[in-house]
Amino acid sequence: MSTSNHHKLGALAILGAGICFGTTGTSQTLLAKGVSPLAVASTRLFIGALTLLLVSRASAPATHIPFPKKDLWISGVGIAIYQLSFFSSVKLTGVPIATLTALGSAPIFTGIVAYVLVREKPTRVWFIATIITTLGIALLNTQHSDKGFNALGVLLALIAGLGFAFFNVTSRRALNAGIEPTRLAAGVFSLAALLVFPFCFVAGTHWIFTIKGASLILWLGIFTTGLGYTFYAYGLKRVHSSTASTLVLAEPATATLLAVVVLGNSLSLNSWMGIAIVIVGLMYLAIRG
């Protein structure tokens, strides 16, 4: 396979992951009313880790390459922070603002973290694509949340973006060391699930055994986590971490569209223009990156 096709397959995998991730906030809003976002996030991680472990056992070849402990811990803590902060932000600010702020800030944080940790210099294509998509994100953020402005919610979304950046960079470093993508995802999410496991019980356990609760956790665990992060790890091995953080902006575009179609939120003309600009930036990066 040529290097160009190798990168394009990676880019497509990241875009597919972003679409999977983009269903998270809408699912939480529809099916988790009255349930603590910390409970939803931690239970999702637990089911997602089990799913990824099964995928890893079924697909990953036997390997004796040790998992870099430093990268495992940074990635695991990053994912734990991302999950808890993001779900809490959705609860406080609504789906569009939380998703757009978290993932919109991720490329900037990733560029900084990548340079600090691994001296990875972002490419000119990444700079151009990030400028385009950031403009789109800014236009999308002119859409006011039905919940009103919530400073804590926005701060939590930014913290989520930073957590995702740490996961992004250190995971790619582990992949470059030879760790299989599915083994990486399984290891990182298993550690994250253990770190947040006590939060599974902050809202009791009765909600998990309702139809809505069980549907939510299975969807979030199997589809958005198991499938989504399998795609993401596959793509992350094939593109730069800074490129991946921009491509995954397919998530906020997907989340915003679902908020309109499924949740009945209305969007301004600026917001629709923002979605179009984000798509242009993603297409540019997928083709040229």
Protein backbone atom coordinates (compact mmCIF):
# COMPACT_ATOMS: atom_id res chain seq x y z
CA MET A 1 0.00 0.00 0.00
CA SER A 2 1.34 3.45 -0.94
CA THR A 3 2.07 6.00 1.77
CA SER A 4 -0.67 8.26 0.38
CA ASN A 5 -3.33 5.53 0.61
CA HIS A 6 -1.98 4.56 4.03
CA HIS A 7 -2.59 8.11 5.29
CA LYS A 8 -5.97 8.43 3.61
CA LEU A 9 -7.25 5.23 5.23
CA GLY A 10 -6.07 6.59 8.56
CA ALA A 11 -7.85 9.89 7.93
CA LEU A 12 -11.09 8.09 7.00
CA ALA A 13 -10.86 6.00 10.17
CA ILE A 14 -10.48 9.15 12.29
CA LEU A 15 -13.48 10.73 10.56
CA GLY A 16 -15.52 7.58 11.22
CA ALA A 17 -14.49 7.72 14.87
CA GLY A 18 -15.57 11.36 15.07
CA ILE A 19 -19.02 10.46 13.74
CA CYS A 20 -19.32 7.69 16.36
CA PHE A 21 -18.25 10.10 19.11
CA GLY A 22 -20.70 12.72 17.86
CA THR A 23 -23.70 10.68 19.00
CA THR A 24 -22.58 10.74 22.65
CA GLY A 25 -24.08 14.01 23.87
CA THR A 26 -27.44 13.49 22.17
CA SER A 27 -27.70 9.98 23.62
CA GLN A 28 -26.95 11.29 27.09
CA THR A 29 -29.55 14.07 26.78
CA LEU A 30 -32.26 11.70 25.53
CA LEU A 31 -31.70 8.75 27.83
CA ALA A 32 -29.97 10.01 30.98
CA LYS A 33 -32.33 12.63 32.37
CA GLY A 34 -31.89 12.89 36.13
CA VAL A 35 -28.78 10.68 36.15
CA SER A 36 -25.41 12.01 37.30
CA PRO A 37 -23.09 12.64 34.31
CA LEU A 38 -20.24 11.19 36.38
CA ALA A 39 -22.16 7.90 36.66
CA VAL A 40 -22.89 7.87 32.92
CA ALA A 41 -19.27 8.62 31.99
CA SER A 42 -17.71 6.06 34.31
CA THR A 43 -20.20 3.29 33.47
CA ARG A 44 -19.65 3.99 29.77
CA LEU A 45 -15.90 3.61 30.30
CA PHE A 46 -16.39 0.28 32.08
CA ILE A 47 -18.55 -1.21 29.29
CA GLY A 48 -16.32 0.35 26.64
CA ALA A 49 -13.20 -1.17 28.19
CA LEU A 50 -14.81 -4.63 28.21
CA THR A 51 -15.76 -4.19 24.54
CA LEU A 52 -12.26 -3.10 23.58
CA LEU A 53 -10.71 -6.00 25.48
CA LEU A 54 -12.87 -8.42 23.48
CA VAL A 55 -11.93 -6.68 20.22
CA SER A 56 -8.26 -6.80 21.19
CA ARG A 57 -8.38 -10.51 22.04
CA ALA A 58 -10.12 -11.29 18.77
CA SER A 59 -8.00 -9.19 16.42
CA ALA A 60 -4.62 -8.32 17.88
CA PRO A 61 -1.74 -10.76 17.19
CA ALA A 62 0.30 -12.02 20.11
CA THR A 63 3.08 -9.55 20.85
CA HIS A 64 5.83 -9.34 23.40
CA ILE A 65 6.36 -5.60 23.08
CA PRO A 66 5.87 -4.13 26.55
CA PHE A 67 3.35 -1.30 26.85
CA PRO A 68 5.24 1.90 27.78
CA LYS A 69 4.00 2.51 31.32
CA LYS A 70 4.43 6.27 31.16
CA ASP A 71 2.36 6.54 27.99
CA LEU A 72 -0.24 4.13 29.36
CA TRP A 73 -0.74 6.23 32.49
CA ILE A 74 -0.80 9.59 30.71
CA SER A 75 -3.26 8.26 28.10
CA GLY A 76 -5.45 6.59 30.73
CA VAL A 77 -5.59 9.66 32.96
CA GLY A 78 -6.24 11.83 29.89
CA ILE A 79 -9.22 9.70 28.84
CA ALA A 80 -10.58 9.61 32.41
CA ILE A 81 -10.39 13.40 32.63
CA TYR A 82 -11.96 13.78 29.20
CA GLN A 83 -14.91 11.50 29.96
CA LEU A 84 -15.80 12.96 33.36
CA SER A 85 -15.36 16.57 32.23
CA PHE A 86 -17.16 16.18 28.92
CA PHE A 87 -20.28 14.48 30.27
CA SER A 88 -20.49 17.05 33.07
CA SER A 89 -20.15 19.87 30.54
CA VAL A 90 -22.96 18.45 28.39
CA LYS A 91 -25.18 18.46 31.47
CA LEU A 92 -24.37 22.10 32.22
CA THR A 93 -24.18 23.71 28.78
CA GLY A 94 -26.01 21.41 26.36
CA VAL A 95 -24.76 19.23 23.52
CA PRO A 96 -23.56 21.76 20.89
CA ILE A 97 -21.57 24.09 23.16
CA ALA A 98 -19.94 21.30 25.20
CA THR A 99 -18.95 19.26 22.17
CA LEU A 100 -17.77 22.20 20.09
CA THR A 101 -15.70 23.69 22.91
CA ALA A 102 -14.10 20.40 23.94
CA LEU A 103 -13.18 19.19 20.47
CA GLY A 104 -12.62 22.66 19.07
CA SER A 105 -9.90 23.25 21.66
CA ALA A 106 -8.33 19.80 21.21
CA PRO A 107 -6.25 20.64 18.08
CA ILE A 108 -4.68 23.65 19.80
CA PHE A 109 -3.92 21.68 22.97
CA THR A 110 -2.65 18.75 20.92
CA GLY A 111 -0.24 20.91 18.95
CA ILE A 112 1.16 22.28 22.22
CA VAL A 113 1.32 18.91 24.01
CA ALA A 114 2.86 17.19 20.96
CA TYR A 115 5.61 19.77 20.78
CA VAL A 116 6.31 19.65 24.53
CA LEU A 117 6.28 15.86 24.93
CA VAL A 118 7.60 14.54 21.61
CA ARG A 119 8.92 17.60 19.78
CA GLU A 120 6.46 16.96 16.96
CA LYS A 121 6.24 20.11 14.87
CA PRO A 122 2.79 20.63 13.30
CA THR A 123 2.84 20.71 9.49
CA ARG A 124 1.83 23.64 7.30
CA VAL A 125 -1.23 21.67 6.16
CA TRP A 126 -2.24 21.21 9.82
CA PHE A 127 -1.92 24.96 10.46
CA ILE A 128 -4.11 25.81 7.48
CA ALA A 129 -6.72 23.15 8.30
CA THR A 130 -6.79 24.16 11.96
CA ILE A 131 -7.32 27.82 11.04
CA ILE A 132 -10.20 26.84 8.74
CA THR A 133 -11.85 24.52 11.26
CA THR A 134 -11.30 26.95 14.14
CA LEU A 135 -13.15 29.59 12.15
CA GLY A 136 -15.97 27.10 11.67
CA ILE A 137 -15.98 26.28 15.38
CA ALA A 138 -16.12 30.00 16.23
CA LEU A 139 -19.16 30.47 13.99
CA LEU A 140 -20.80 27.40 15.51
CA ASN A 141 -20.24 28.83 18.98
CA THR A 142 -22.39 31.82 18.11
CA GLN A 143 -25.24 29.37 18.71
CA HIS A 144 -26.42 30.03 22.25
CA SER A 145 -27.24 27.04 24.42
CA ASP A 146 -30.83 26.63 25.58
CA LYS A 147 -29.35 26.36 29.07
CA GLY A 148 -27.72 29.80 28.87
CA PHE A 149 -24.05 30.57 29.31
CA ASN A 150 -22.40 28.49 32.01
CA ALA A 151 -18.78 29.36 32.78
CA LEU A 152 -18.14 26.13 34.71
CA GLY A 153 -19.52 24.09 31.83
CA VAL A 154 -17.25 25.84 29.33
CA LEU A 155 -14.24 25.37 31.64
CA LEU A 156 -15.01 21.66 31.97
CA ALA A 157 -15.24 21.41 28.18
CA LEU A 158 -11.80 23.00 27.87
CA ILE A 159 -10.41 20.58 30.46
CA ALA A 160 -11.93 17.75 28.41
CA GLY A 161 -10.12 19.05 25.32
CA LEU A 162 -6.83 19.10 27.22
CA GLY A 163 -7.38 15.55 28.50
CA PHE A 164 -8.07 14.36 24.95
CA ALA A 165 -4.87 16.06 23.75
CA PHE A 166 -2.74 14.14 26.26
CA PHE A 167 -4.43 10.88 25.21
CA ASN A 168 -3.88 11.76 21.56
CA VAL A 169 -0.15 12.45 21.79
CA THR A 170 0.95 9.70 24.16
CA SER A 171 -1.19 7.08 22.43
CA ARG A 172 0.46 7.83 19.11
CA ARG A 173 3.88 7.58 20.77
CA ALA A 174 2.95 4.12 22.08
CA LEU A 175 1.71 3.12 18.61
CA ASN A 176 5.02 4.23 17.12
CA ALA A 177 6.75 1.99 19.65
CA GLY A 178 4.97 -0.98 18.05
CA ILE A 179 1.88 -1.44 20.23
CA GLU A 180 -1.08 -2.78 18.24
CA PRO A 181 -3.95 -0.26 17.92
CA THR A 182 -6.59 -2.53 19.47
CA ARG A 183 -4.26 -3.50 22.31
CA LEU A 184 -3.53 0.17 22.92
CA ALA A 185 -7.22 1.12 23.08
CA ALA A 186 -8.01 -1.82 25.38
CA GLY A 187 -5.14 -1.01 27.75
CA VAL A 188 -5.83 2.73 27.96
CA PHE A 189 -9.57 2.34 28.50
CA SER A 190 -9.16 -0.46 31.03
CA LEU A 191 -6.90 1.79 33.12
CA ALA A 192 -9.28 4.75 32.73
CA ALA A 193 -12.23 2.56 33.73
CA LEU A 194 -10.43 1.48 36.90
CA LEU A 195 -9.59 5.09 37.76
CA VAL A 196 -13.21 6.26 37.52
CA PHE A 197 -14.94 3.06 38.68
CA PRO A 198 -16.09 4.51 42.05
CA PHE A 199 -18.13 7.13 40.17
CA CYS A 200 -20.31 4.35 38.72
CA PHE A 201 -22.26 4.33 41.98
CA VAL A 202 -22.80 8.05 42.62
CA ALA A 203 -26.38 7.79 41.30
CA GLY A 204 -27.06 4.28 42.57
CA THR A 205 -27.41 1.37 40.16
CA HIS A 206 -31.17 1.24 39.59
CA TRP A 207 -31.01 3.43 36.45
CA ILE A 208 -28.73 0.93 34.69
CA PHE A 209 -31.48 -1.72 34.82
CA THR A 210 -34.12 0.46 33.16
CA ILE A 211 -34.69 0.21 29.40
CA LYS A 212 -33.36 3.71 28.81
CA GLY A 213 -30.37 3.24 31.10
CA ALA A 214 -29.37 -0.11 29.63
CA SER A 215 -29.81 1.19 26.06
CA LEU A 216 -27.70 4.25 26.82
CA ILE A 217 -24.82 2.34 28.39
CA LEU A 218 -24.76 -0.34 25.68
CA TRP A 219 -24.80 2.31 22.95
CA LEU A 220 -22.14 4.44 24.59
CA GLY A 221 -19.99 1.48 25.57
CA ILE A 222 -20.16 -0.65 22.43
CA PHE A 223 -20.70 1.86 19.60
CA THR A 224 -19.21 5.18 20.66
CA THR A 225 -16.37 3.65 22.70
CA GLY A 226 -15.68 0.13 21.37
CA LEU A 227 -16.16 0.87 17.67
CA GLY A 228 -15.23 4.55 17.82
CA TYR A 229 -11.89 4.10 19.56
CA THR A 230 -11.01 1.05 17.47
CA PHE A 231 -11.33 3.32 14.43
CA TYR A 232 -9.46 6.09 16.22
CA ALA A 233 -6.49 3.93 17.26
CA TYR A 234 -6.27 2.52 13.73
CA GLY A 235 -6.19 6.01 12.26
CA LEU A 236 -3.86 7.44 14.89
CA LYS A 237 -1.16 4.97 13.83
CA ARG A 238 -1.32 6.36 10.30
CA VAL A 239 -1.54 10.15 10.75
CA HIS A 240 0.13 12.73 12.99
CA SER A 241 -1.52 13.31 16.38
CA SER A 242 -2.07 16.98 15.50
CA THR A 243 -3.76 15.92 12.24
CA ALA A 244 -5.95 13.42 14.10
CA SER A 245 -7.08 16.07 16.59
CA THR A 246 -8.29 18.23 13.71
CA LEU A 247 -9.95 15.41 11.78
CA VAL A 248 -11.89 14.35 14.86
CA LEU A 249 -13.67 17.72 14.68
CA ALA A 250 -16.18 15.66 12.69
CA GLU A 251 -17.55 14.95 16.19
CA PRO A 252 -18.84 18.46 17.00
CA ALA A 253 -20.31 18.83 13.51
CA THR A 254 -22.14 15.51 13.94
CA ALA A 255 -23.24 16.41 17.48
CA THR A 256 -24.62 19.76 16.35
CA LEU A 257 -26.58 18.24 13.47
CA LEU A 258 -28.04 15.60 15.81
CA ALA A 259 -28.97 18.29 18.32
CA VAL A 260 -31.00 19.96 15.56
CA VAL A 261 -32.58 16.87 14.02
CA VAL A 262 -33.14 14.74 17.14
CA LEU A 263 -33.33 17.21 20.04
CA GLY A 264 -35.11 19.94 18.11
CA ASN A 265 -32.50 22.64 18.73
CA SER A 266 -32.53 25.51 16.25
CA LEU A 267 -29.42 26.84 14.51
CA SER A 268 -28.63 30.29 13.18
CA LEU A 269 -27.27 30.96 9.69
CA ASN A 270 -23.82 31.49 11.20
CA SER A 271 -23.95 28.06 12.78
CA TRP A 272 -24.84 26.38 9.48
CA MET A 273 -21.98 28.25 7.85
CA GLY A 274 -19.74 27.03 10.66
CA ILE A 275 -20.66 23.41 9.97
CA ALA A 276 -19.88 23.90 6.27
CA ILE A 277 -16.50 25.48 7.06
CA VAL A 278 -15.60 22.65 9.46
CA ILE A 279 -16.39 20.12 6.72
CA VAL A 280 -14.19 22.04 4.26
CA GLY A 281 -11.31 22.04 6.76
CA LEU A 282 -11.69 18.32 7.41
CA MET A 283 -11.81 17.49 3.71
CA TYR A 284 -8.71 19.59 3.09
CA LEU A 285 -6.80 17.85 5.87
CA ALA A 286 -8.00 14.37 4.84
CA ILE A 287 -6.86 14.93 1.24
CA ARG A 288 -3.66 16.89 1.80
CA GLY A 289 -2.63 15.72 5.28
